Amino acid sequence: MATQQEKAITFKELHIKSSPIILFNVWDAGTAKVVAEQGALAIALGSHGVAEALGYEDGENTPLELVIENAQRVVGAVDLPVTLDFEAGYGATPDEVMQSATKALQTGVVGFNIEDKVAHGDGLYSIEEQAERLKAVRQAGDDLGIEIVLNARTDLFKQADVANHTDELLDEALERSRAYAAAGATCFFVPLIRDAKLIQRLCDESPLPVNIIWLNGLGMPTPAEIAELGASRISYGPGPWLEMKQWLADKAAASFK
């Protein structure tokens, strides 16, 4: 069985431009095993599915101890690299973020999504604030001897109306990408960017490998097209959970008729 550090290195090496690692997001040990059995090369926990499966709303509302317990069960269920959507880092300060990340790493996960949206607040952290938070997560990994895969997420496009998804907004995202790279990020995640030309430019100009989330019904390029545009990582985010939830609701409704 591979060590945590070996899994971290393997996961990092799977981020290849135009030949992306595919992450079909799961929410617990059972779904992780199902996805692993289909040939996944890594397992990604999505915060939305985890939160709702545990009875909470997404947005860092799931208690940290439950997030960690769930991650530990997933790591124990599969012999694959596991990356954890850690939302804004579970901490008001960089020191608190580092403490939370250290606890999470002790489960055996090898990567994190860390977003720049302010948890339980409005807007985004400033570039400088978020850089310090990312450095804290990187330090947590370094202290444990784990070369974590730190997926730095910006919510610039998620918080903007689609009409404002412009080259100017992408300029802002690229500024964050450069700062996050300097802070120790491994890859760069821009959820809800959907225009092919903007995705192409992001992949061409980002100093970090790019993660694009694919969501059905948004008029996005297909996953294959996103790969051709230069993505290094394609994730499915809340999509699998939402489709499963709708399937369950439909089956339950039909059974009660």
Protein backbone atom coordinates (compact mmCIF):
# COMPACT_ATOMS: atom_id res chain seq x y z
CA MET A 1 0.00 0.00 0.00
CA ALA A 2 1.33 3.42 -0.96
CA THR A 3 2.25 5.93 1.73
CA GLN A 4 0.50 9.26 2.09
CA GLN A 5 3.49 11.04 0.59
CA GLU A 6 3.65 8.61 -2.34
CA LYS A 7 -0.06 9.18 -2.99
CA ALA A 8 0.49 12.95 -2.89
CA ILE A 9 3.25 12.74 -5.50
CA THR A 10 1.16 10.45 -7.68
CA PHE A 11 -1.80 12.81 -7.49
CA LYS A 12 0.32 15.83 -8.42
CA GLU A 13 1.77 13.99 -11.41
CA LEU A 14 -1.74 13.26 -12.71
CA HIS A 15 -2.28 16.97 -13.42
CA ILE A 16 -1.29 17.05 -17.08
CA LYS A 17 -2.27 19.84 -19.44
CA SER A 18 -4.76 18.64 -22.07
CA SER A 19 -4.76 15.17 -20.48
CA PRO A 20 -6.54 16.03 -17.24
CA ILE A 21 -7.18 13.95 -14.17
CA ILE A 22 -10.93 13.32 -13.92
CA LEU A 23 -12.48 13.70 -10.48
CA PHE A 24 -16.02 12.39 -10.21
CA ASN A 25 -16.83 13.84 -6.82
CA VAL A 26 -18.11 11.62 -4.00
CA TRP A 27 -19.47 12.29 -0.52
CA ASP A 28 -18.75 9.25 1.65
CA ALA A 29 -16.86 5.97 1.88
CA GLY A 30 -19.52 4.03 0.02
CA THR A 31 -19.62 6.32 -2.98
CA ALA A 32 -15.81 6.51 -2.95
CA LYS A 33 -15.62 2.72 -3.28
CA VAL A 34 -18.12 2.71 -6.15
CA VAL A 35 -16.21 5.38 -8.07
CA ALA A 36 -12.85 3.72 -7.37
CA GLU A 37 -14.16 0.43 -8.74
CA GLN A 38 -14.99 2.15 -12.05
CA GLY A 39 -11.34 3.02 -12.64
CA ALA A 40 -10.84 6.37 -10.91
CA LEU A 41 -7.22 7.40 -10.42
CA ALA A 42 -8.04 9.62 -7.45
CA ILE A 43 -11.00 10.40 -5.22
CA ALA A 44 -12.37 13.89 -4.58
CA LEU A 45 -14.73 14.81 -1.77
CA GLY A 46 -17.04 17.68 -2.69
CA SER A 47 -18.24 19.91 0.14
CA HIS A 48 -21.77 20.26 -1.25
CA GLY A 49 -22.49 16.53 -1.31
CA VAL A 50 -20.73 15.90 2.00
CA ALA A 51 -22.66 18.68 3.71
CA GLU A 52 -26.10 17.66 2.48
CA ALA A 53 -25.47 13.94 3.02
CA LEU A 54 -24.68 14.78 6.64
CA GLY A 55 -27.74 17.01 6.99
CA TYR A 56 -26.11 20.44 6.63
CA GLU A 57 -26.05 23.22 4.05
CA ASP A 58 -22.92 23.79 2.00
CA GLY A 59 -20.78 26.74 2.98
CA GLU A 60 -18.60 25.53 5.86
CA ASN A 61 -21.65 24.65 7.96
CA THR A 62 -20.63 21.03 8.48
CA PRO A 63 -18.75 20.74 11.80
CA LEU A 64 -15.04 20.24 11.30
CA GLU A 65 -15.00 17.03 13.31
CA LEU A 66 -17.58 15.48 10.97
CA VAL A 67 -15.66 16.60 7.88
CA ILE A 68 -12.54 14.97 9.29
CA GLU A 69 -14.31 11.78 10.37
CA ASN A 70 -15.88 11.45 6.92
CA ALA A 71 -12.53 12.01 5.20
CA GLN A 72 -10.90 9.39 7.39
CA ARG A 73 -13.54 6.83 6.43
CA VAL A 74 -13.02 7.60 2.73
CA VAL A 75 -9.24 7.29 2.97
CA GLY A 76 -9.70 3.95 4.72
CA ALA A 77 -12.09 2.68 2.06
CA VAL A 78 -9.88 3.16 -1.03
CA ASP A 79 -6.21 2.79 -1.89
CA LEU A 80 -6.14 5.95 -3.98
CA PRO A 81 -5.13 9.57 -3.42
CA VAL A 82 -7.98 11.43 -1.73
CA THR A 83 -8.43 15.18 -1.99
CA LEU A 84 -10.70 17.09 0.36
CA ASP A 85 -12.85 20.12 -0.44
CA PHE A 86 -11.96 22.14 2.65
CA GLU A 87 -13.99 25.21 1.66
CA ALA A 88 -12.32 28.35 3.09
CA GLY A 89 -10.01 26.39 5.38
CA TYR A 90 -12.02 26.18 8.59
CA GLY A 91 -10.29 29.05 10.33
CA ALA A 92 -10.68 32.78 10.85
CA THR A 93 -6.92 33.34 10.76
CA PRO A 94 -4.03 31.66 8.92
CA ASP A 95 -2.93 30.03 12.18
CA GLU A 96 -6.38 28.52 12.68
CA VAL A 97 -6.44 27.37 9.06
CA MET A 98 -3.09 25.64 9.57
CA GLN A 99 -4.38 23.88 12.68
CA SER A 100 -7.50 22.68 10.85
CA ALA A 101 -5.49 21.54 7.82
CA THR A 102 -3.11 19.62 10.08
CA LYS A 103 -6.03 17.74 11.63
CA ALA A 104 -7.39 16.94 8.18
CA LEU A 105 -4.02 15.72 6.91
CA GLN A 106 -3.81 13.27 9.78
CA THR A 107 -6.69 11.37 8.11
CA GLY A 108 -4.44 10.57 5.15
CA VAL A 109 -5.82 12.98 2.56
CA VAL A 110 -3.22 14.34 0.15
CA GLY A 111 -4.91 17.44 -1.25
CA PHE A 112 -7.23 20.31 -0.50
CA ASN A 113 -9.52 22.70 -2.30
CA ILE A 114 -9.20 26.06 -0.56
CA GLU A 115 -11.52 28.83 -1.76
CA ASP A 116 -11.14 32.59 -1.42
CA LYS A 117 -14.79 33.22 -0.57
CA VAL A 118 -15.18 34.47 2.98
CA ALA A 119 -16.86 31.73 5.02
CA HIS A 120 -20.13 32.94 6.58
CA GLY A 121 -19.52 36.37 5.07
CA ASP A 122 -19.73 38.39 1.89
CA GLY A 123 -17.23 38.72 -0.88
CA LEU A 124 -13.74 37.34 -1.27
CA TYR A 125 -10.62 37.56 0.80
CA SER A 126 -8.14 40.03 -0.60
CA ILE A 127 -5.30 38.55 -2.61
CA GLU A 128 -2.89 39.22 0.24
CA GLU A 129 -5.17 37.64 2.86
CA GLN A 130 -5.81 34.56 0.76
CA ALA A 131 -2.12 34.14 0.00
CA GLU A 132 -1.42 33.96 3.73
CA ARG A 133 -4.16 31.38 4.20
CA LEU A 134 -2.75 29.24 1.39
CA LYS A 135 0.73 29.50 2.86
CA ALA A 136 -0.69 28.20 6.13
CA VAL A 137 -2.15 25.12 4.42
CA ARG A 138 1.12 24.52 2.58
CA GLN A 139 3.00 24.80 5.88
CA ALA A 140 0.70 22.22 7.48
CA GLY A 141 1.69 19.77 4.76
CA ASP A 142 5.37 20.60 4.97
CA ASP A 143 5.39 20.09 8.72
CA LEU A 144 4.05 16.56 8.21
CA GLY A 145 6.35 15.81 5.28
CA ILE A 146 3.49 15.71 2.77
CA GLU A 147 3.78 17.49 -0.58
CA ILE A 148 0.09 18.27 -0.66
CA VAL A 149 -1.77 19.12 -3.85
CA LEU A 150 -3.20 22.53 -3.00
CA ASN A 151 -6.01 23.47 -5.37
CA ALA A 152 -6.48 27.22 -4.93
CA ARG A 153 -9.99 28.26 -5.87
CA THR A 154 -11.20 31.73 -6.75
CA ASP A 155 -14.91 32.49 -6.74
CA LEU A 156 -14.62 35.55 -8.97
CA PHE A 157 -16.61 33.95 -11.77
CA LYS A 158 -19.02 32.18 -9.43
CA GLN A 159 -20.00 35.47 -7.78
CA ALA A 160 -20.34 37.40 -11.05
CA ASP A 161 -23.30 37.44 -13.38
CA VAL A 162 -22.58 35.54 -16.59
CA ALA A 163 -22.87 38.82 -18.52
CA ASN A 164 -19.81 40.00 -16.60
CA HIS A 165 -17.68 36.97 -17.45
CA THR A 166 -15.25 39.07 -19.44
CA ASP A 167 -11.55 39.26 -20.24
CA GLU A 168 -11.28 41.92 -17.54
CA LEU A 169 -12.64 39.51 -14.95
CA LEU A 170 -10.23 36.89 -16.22
CA ASP A 171 -7.40 39.39 -15.74
CA GLU A 172 -8.40 39.56 -12.08
CA ALA A 173 -8.45 35.78 -11.85
CA LEU A 174 -5.00 35.53 -13.41
CA GLU A 175 -3.67 38.04 -10.90
CA ARG A 176 -4.91 35.74 -8.15
CA SER A 177 -3.43 32.73 -9.92
CA ARG A 178 0.01 34.32 -9.90
CA ALA A 179 -0.27 35.28 -6.24
CA TYR A 180 -1.59 31.87 -5.24
CA ALA A 181 1.24 30.17 -7.13
CA ALA A 182 3.75 32.25 -5.18
CA ALA A 183 1.98 31.23 -1.96
CA GLY A 184 2.48 27.54 -2.68
CA ALA A 185 -0.62 26.46 -4.60
CA THR A 186 -0.32 23.45 -6.91
CA CYS A 187 -3.22 24.19 -9.22
CA PHE A 188 -5.84 26.87 -9.85
CA PHE A 189 -9.61 26.35 -9.76
CA VAL A 190 -12.15 28.78 -11.28
CA PRO A 191 -15.67 27.39 -10.80
CA LEU A 192 -18.43 28.46 -13.21
CA ILE A 193 -16.16 29.83 -15.90
CA ARG A 194 -17.89 28.42 -18.95
CA ASP A 195 -16.89 30.35 -22.10
CA ALA A 196 -14.47 28.33 -24.25
CA LYS A 197 -12.33 31.32 -25.20
CA LEU A 198 -11.93 32.37 -21.57
CA ILE A 199 -11.12 28.80 -20.51
CA GLN A 200 -8.52 28.62 -23.29
CA ARG A 201 -6.93 31.87 -22.20
CA LEU A 202 -6.96 30.81 -18.55
CA CYS A 203 -5.20 27.55 -19.38
CA ASP A 204 -2.67 29.34 -21.59
CA GLU A 205 -1.79 32.12 -19.16
CA SER A 206 -2.14 30.64 -15.68
CA PRO A 207 1.20 29.78 -14.06
CA LEU A 208 -0.59 26.86 -12.40
CA PRO A 209 -2.35 23.84 -13.91
CA VAL A 210 -6.05 24.65 -14.26
CA ASN A 211 -9.04 22.86 -12.74
CA ILE A 212 -12.38 23.31 -14.52
CA ILE A 213 -15.61 22.05 -13.00
CA TRP A 214 -18.05 20.54 -15.47
CA LEU A 215 -21.73 20.95 -14.67
CA ASN A 216 -24.56 19.72 -16.88
CA GLY A 217 -27.04 22.26 -18.24
CA LEU A 218 -24.79 25.35 -18.21
CA GLY A 219 -23.95 25.33 -21.89
CA MET A 220 -20.31 24.58 -21.16
CA PRO A 221 -17.91 22.85 -23.51
CA THR A 222 -17.90 19.09 -23.03
CA PRO A 223 -15.27 17.54 -20.76
CA ALA A 224 -13.39 16.38 -23.87
CA GLU A 225 -13.44 19.92 -25.26
CA ILE A 226 -12.31 21.33 -21.91
CA ALA A 227 -9.36 18.96 -22.03
CA GLU A 228 -8.47 20.16 -25.51
CA LEU A 229 -8.57 23.74 -24.25
CA GLY A 230 -5.74 22.89 -21.88
CA ALA A 231 -7.26 21.92 -18.54
CA SER A 232 -5.17 19.71 -16.25
CA ARG A 233 -8.02 18.69 -13.96
CA ILE A 234 -11.76 18.28 -14.54
CA SER A 235 -14.04 17.85 -11.55
CA TYR A 236 -17.77 17.23 -11.38
CA GLY A 237 -18.39 19.07 -8.11
CA PRO A 238 -21.95 18.77 -6.77
CA GLY A 239 -23.23 17.26 -10.03
CA PRO A 240 -23.15 13.58 -8.97
CA TRP A 241 -24.81 14.35 -5.63
CA LEU A 242 -27.52 16.51 -7.19
CA GLU A 243 -28.34 13.89 -9.82
CA MET A 244 -28.44 11.14 -7.21
CA LYS A 245 -30.67 13.26 -4.98
CA GLN A 246 -33.09 13.88 -7.84
CA TRP A 247 -33.09 10.17 -8.73
CA LEU A 248 -33.89 9.30 -5.12
CA ALA A 249 -36.64 11.89 -4.95
CA ASP A 250 -38.21 10.61 -8.18
CA LYS A 251 -38.09 6.98 -7.05
CA ALA A 252 -39.51 7.84 -3.64
CA ALA A 253 -42.30 9.93 -5.16
CA ALA A 254 -43.21 7.12 -7.54
CA SER A 255 -43.28 4.57 -4.73
CA PHE A 256 -45.79 6.60 -2.72
CA LYS A 257 -48.32 6.87 -5.55
